[in-house]
Amino acid sequence: MTDERPVGRVIQVSVSLRGVPKLVVERAALGPLGLDGDKHNVRAGHGGPDRAVCLLAMEVIEQLQREGHAVEPGTLGENVTIRGLDWTNVAPGDRLRIGPAVVEVTRFTTPCKSIAHFFKDGDFTRVLHTTNPGEARVYARVIQPGELAAGMDVEHLAPTASPSS
């Protein structure tokens, strides 16, 4: 039996000069403090080396859409929308290779009221990890910088395959 892990794909790369929604870009350079062109309205709880990039599964967005929420890639503040990974297995300490870049998940995000209007009932805690495990956004630090674009492979690295920082 082999330890094959599914390879996902970047669906969208998103940035914003002022918070949410984050808007699609063709490509963006990922460095130690995040994607070029990405800013936040409120710095507290956002940005910095341990929250350089925010990631979310497309499958979570699709589930939210089926529930009637007005979400699209980027509306919940994620910078990279990914399809094809088992999001329930993505957790702090995990590393993902996204095209040429490598990131390490640092935490599950805590959603804030700035995304409430995307939820039909205003309950943005719908994407809170403690309430709905496997359906939260995650923050990550950059281990290896690189340019990101839609269509790139995303690999959930095995612990022994993680590159040294």
Protein backbone atom coordinates (compact mmCIF):
# COMPACT_ATOMS: atom_id res chain seq x y z
CA MET A 1 0.00 0.00 0.00
CA THR A 2 1.41 3.40 -0.94
CA ASP A 3 0.95 6.65 0.97
CA GLU A 4 -0.44 8.56 -1.99
CA ARG A 5 -1.98 11.85 -1.07
CA PRO A 6 -4.44 13.55 -3.40
CA VAL A 7 -3.16 16.47 -5.39
CA GLY A 8 -5.40 19.49 -5.36
CA ARG A 9 -5.55 22.44 -7.70
CA VAL A 10 -5.60 26.20 -7.19
CA ILE A 11 -9.01 27.45 -8.33
CA GLN A 12 -8.43 31.13 -7.66
CA VAL A 13 -5.81 33.52 -6.29
CA SER A 14 -7.39 36.60 -4.68
CA VAL A 15 -6.15 39.89 -3.26
CA SER A 16 -7.67 43.14 -2.07
CA LEU A 17 -6.42 46.57 -1.16
CA ARG A 18 -9.13 46.86 1.52
CA GLY A 19 -10.30 43.61 3.10
CA VAL A 20 -13.21 41.61 1.67
CA PRO A 21 -14.19 40.58 -0.82
CA LYS A 22 -10.83 39.64 -2.23
CA LEU A 23 -10.79 39.80 -6.01
CA VAL A 24 -9.38 37.38 -8.53
CA VAL A 25 -5.94 38.07 -9.99
CA GLU A 26 -4.23 36.14 -12.75
CA ARG A 27 -1.12 35.62 -10.61
CA ALA A 28 0.59 37.06 -7.55
CA ALA A 29 3.97 36.70 -5.89
CA LEU A 30 3.82 35.10 -2.45
CA GLY A 31 6.44 36.33 0.02
CA PRO A 32 6.97 36.17 3.79
CA LEU A 33 4.18 38.68 4.47
CA GLY A 34 1.67 37.39 1.93
CA LEU A 35 0.61 38.03 -1.63
CA ASP A 36 1.68 41.18 -3.47
CA GLY A 37 -1.25 43.59 -3.63
CA ASP A 38 -3.12 42.19 -0.61
CA LYS A 39 -4.06 44.47 2.29
CA HIS A 40 -6.47 44.44 5.22
CA ASN A 41 -8.86 47.08 6.57
CA VAL A 42 -8.11 46.04 10.13
CA ARG A 43 -4.59 44.84 10.97
CA ALA A 44 -5.52 43.19 14.28
CA GLY A 45 -5.91 39.49 13.61
CA HIS A 46 -4.81 39.77 9.98
CA GLY A 47 -1.46 39.62 8.24
CA GLY A 48 2.04 39.16 9.60
CA PRO A 49 4.36 36.24 9.00
CA ASP A 50 2.15 33.66 10.77
CA ARG A 51 -0.98 34.82 8.91
CA ALA A 52 0.64 35.62 5.59
CA VAL A 53 -1.90 33.80 3.45
CA CYS A 54 -5.46 32.55 3.97
CA LEU A 55 -6.62 29.31 2.32
CA LEU A 56 -10.02 27.67 1.84
CA ALA A 57 -11.39 24.65 0.00
CA MET A 58 -13.68 25.19 -2.98
CA GLU A 59 -15.72 22.27 -1.72
CA VAL A 60 -16.54 24.27 1.44
CA ILE A 61 -17.63 27.24 -0.68
CA GLU A 62 -19.85 24.95 -2.78
CA GLN A 63 -21.45 23.50 0.38
CA LEU A 64 -22.15 27.02 1.65
CA GLN A 65 -23.69 27.92 -1.72
CA ARG A 66 -25.97 24.86 -1.52
CA GLU A 67 -27.11 26.16 1.87
CA GLY A 68 -28.08 29.47 0.23
CA HIS A 69 -25.16 31.65 1.33
CA ALA A 70 -23.90 34.29 -1.14
CA VAL A 71 -20.29 33.14 -1.17
CA GLU A 72 -17.84 32.90 -4.04
CA PRO A 73 -14.09 32.36 -4.09
CA GLY A 74 -12.50 35.34 -2.29
CA THR A 75 -15.64 36.60 -0.53
CA LEU A 76 -14.69 35.05 2.80
CA GLY A 77 -11.24 36.63 2.70
CA GLU A 78 -9.25 33.69 1.45
CA ASN A 79 -6.30 34.39 -0.81
CA VAL A 80 -6.07 30.92 -2.31
CA THR A 81 -9.08 28.76 -3.10
CA ILE A 82 -8.17 25.09 -3.51
CA ARG A 83 -10.09 22.10 -4.90
CA GLY A 84 -9.30 18.43 -4.42
CA LEU A 85 -7.67 18.15 -0.99
CA ASP A 86 -9.39 16.45 1.92
CA TRP A 87 -9.92 19.71 3.84
CA THR A 88 -10.88 17.79 6.98
CA ASN A 89 -7.25 16.62 7.13
CA VAL A 90 -5.67 20.08 6.79
CA ALA A 91 -4.56 21.32 10.22
CA PRO A 92 -2.01 23.55 11.93
CA GLY A 93 1.51 22.22 11.41
CA ASP A 94 0.71 20.78 7.97
CA ARG A 95 2.63 21.94 4.94
CA LEU A 96 1.24 22.46 1.47
CA ARG A 97 3.20 22.85 -1.74
CA ILE A 98 1.32 25.31 -3.94
CA GLY A 99 3.04 25.38 -7.31
CA PRO A 100 6.61 26.48 -6.50
CA ALA A 101 5.74 27.77 -3.01
CA VAL A 102 5.51 25.94 0.30
CA VAL A 103 3.34 27.15 3.18
CA GLU A 104 2.81 25.83 6.70
CA VAL A 105 -0.64 26.03 8.25
CA THR A 106 -0.42 27.99 11.51
CA ARG A 107 -4.04 28.15 12.68
CA PHE A 108 -7.69 27.95 11.82
CA THR A 109 -9.03 31.45 11.26
CA THR A 110 -11.56 33.09 13.50
CA PRO A 111 -14.21 34.61 11.25
CA CYS A 112 -15.26 38.20 11.89
CA LYS A 113 -18.31 40.35 11.22
CA SER A 114 -16.80 41.75 8.01
CA ILE A 115 -17.99 38.59 6.22
CA ALA A 116 -21.42 38.38 7.91
CA HIS A 117 -23.30 39.88 4.94
CA PHE A 118 -22.26 36.92 2.76
CA PHE A 119 -24.29 34.58 4.98
CA LYS A 120 -28.05 34.43 4.48
CA ASP A 121 -28.66 34.63 8.23
CA GLY A 122 -25.62 36.78 9.02
CA ASP A 123 -24.13 33.92 11.06
CA PHE A 124 -20.49 34.06 10.02
CA THR A 125 -19.61 31.49 12.69
CA ARG A 126 -20.76 28.94 10.08
CA VAL A 127 -17.06 28.78 9.08
CA LEU A 128 -15.71 28.57 12.64
CA HIS A 129 -13.55 25.47 13.13
CA THR A 130 -14.82 24.67 16.62
CA THR A 131 -18.43 24.66 15.34
CA ASN A 132 -17.85 23.06 11.93
CA PRO A 133 -14.52 21.21 11.80
CA GLY A 134 -13.17 20.80 8.29
CA GLU A 135 -15.06 23.84 6.97
CA ALA A 136 -12.87 26.69 8.23
CA ARG A 137 -10.35 28.86 6.48
CA VAL A 138 -6.73 28.45 7.57
CA TYR A 139 -3.84 30.86 7.91
CA ALA A 140 -0.35 29.85 6.84
CA ARG A 141 3.21 31.12 6.98
CA VAL A 142 5.43 31.07 3.92
CA ILE A 143 8.25 28.54 4.02
CA GLN A 144 9.27 28.89 0.38
CA PRO A 145 8.09 31.94 -1.63
CA GLY A 146 6.89 31.71 -5.19
CA GLU A 147 4.42 33.02 -7.73
CA LEU A 148 0.89 31.59 -7.46
CA ALA A 149 -1.71 31.24 -10.21
CA ALA A 150 -4.93 29.33 -10.84
CA GLY A 151 -4.38 25.84 -12.18
CA MET A 152 -1.29 25.10 -10.10
CA ASP A 153 -1.06 21.80 -8.26
CA VAL A 154 -1.46 21.79 -4.48
CA GLU A 155 0.14 18.93 -2.59
CA HIS A 156 -0.50 18.12 1.07
CA LEU A 157 3.02 17.16 2.04
CA ALA A 158 3.69 14.09 4.14
CA PRO A 159 5.42 15.04 7.42
CA THR A 160 8.68 13.37 6.37
CA ALA A 161 8.60 15.12 2.98
CA SER A 162 8.41 18.64 4.41
CA PRO A 163 11.27 20.81 3.21
CA SER A 164 13.46 22.37 5.85
CA SER A 165 12.76 25.98 6.60
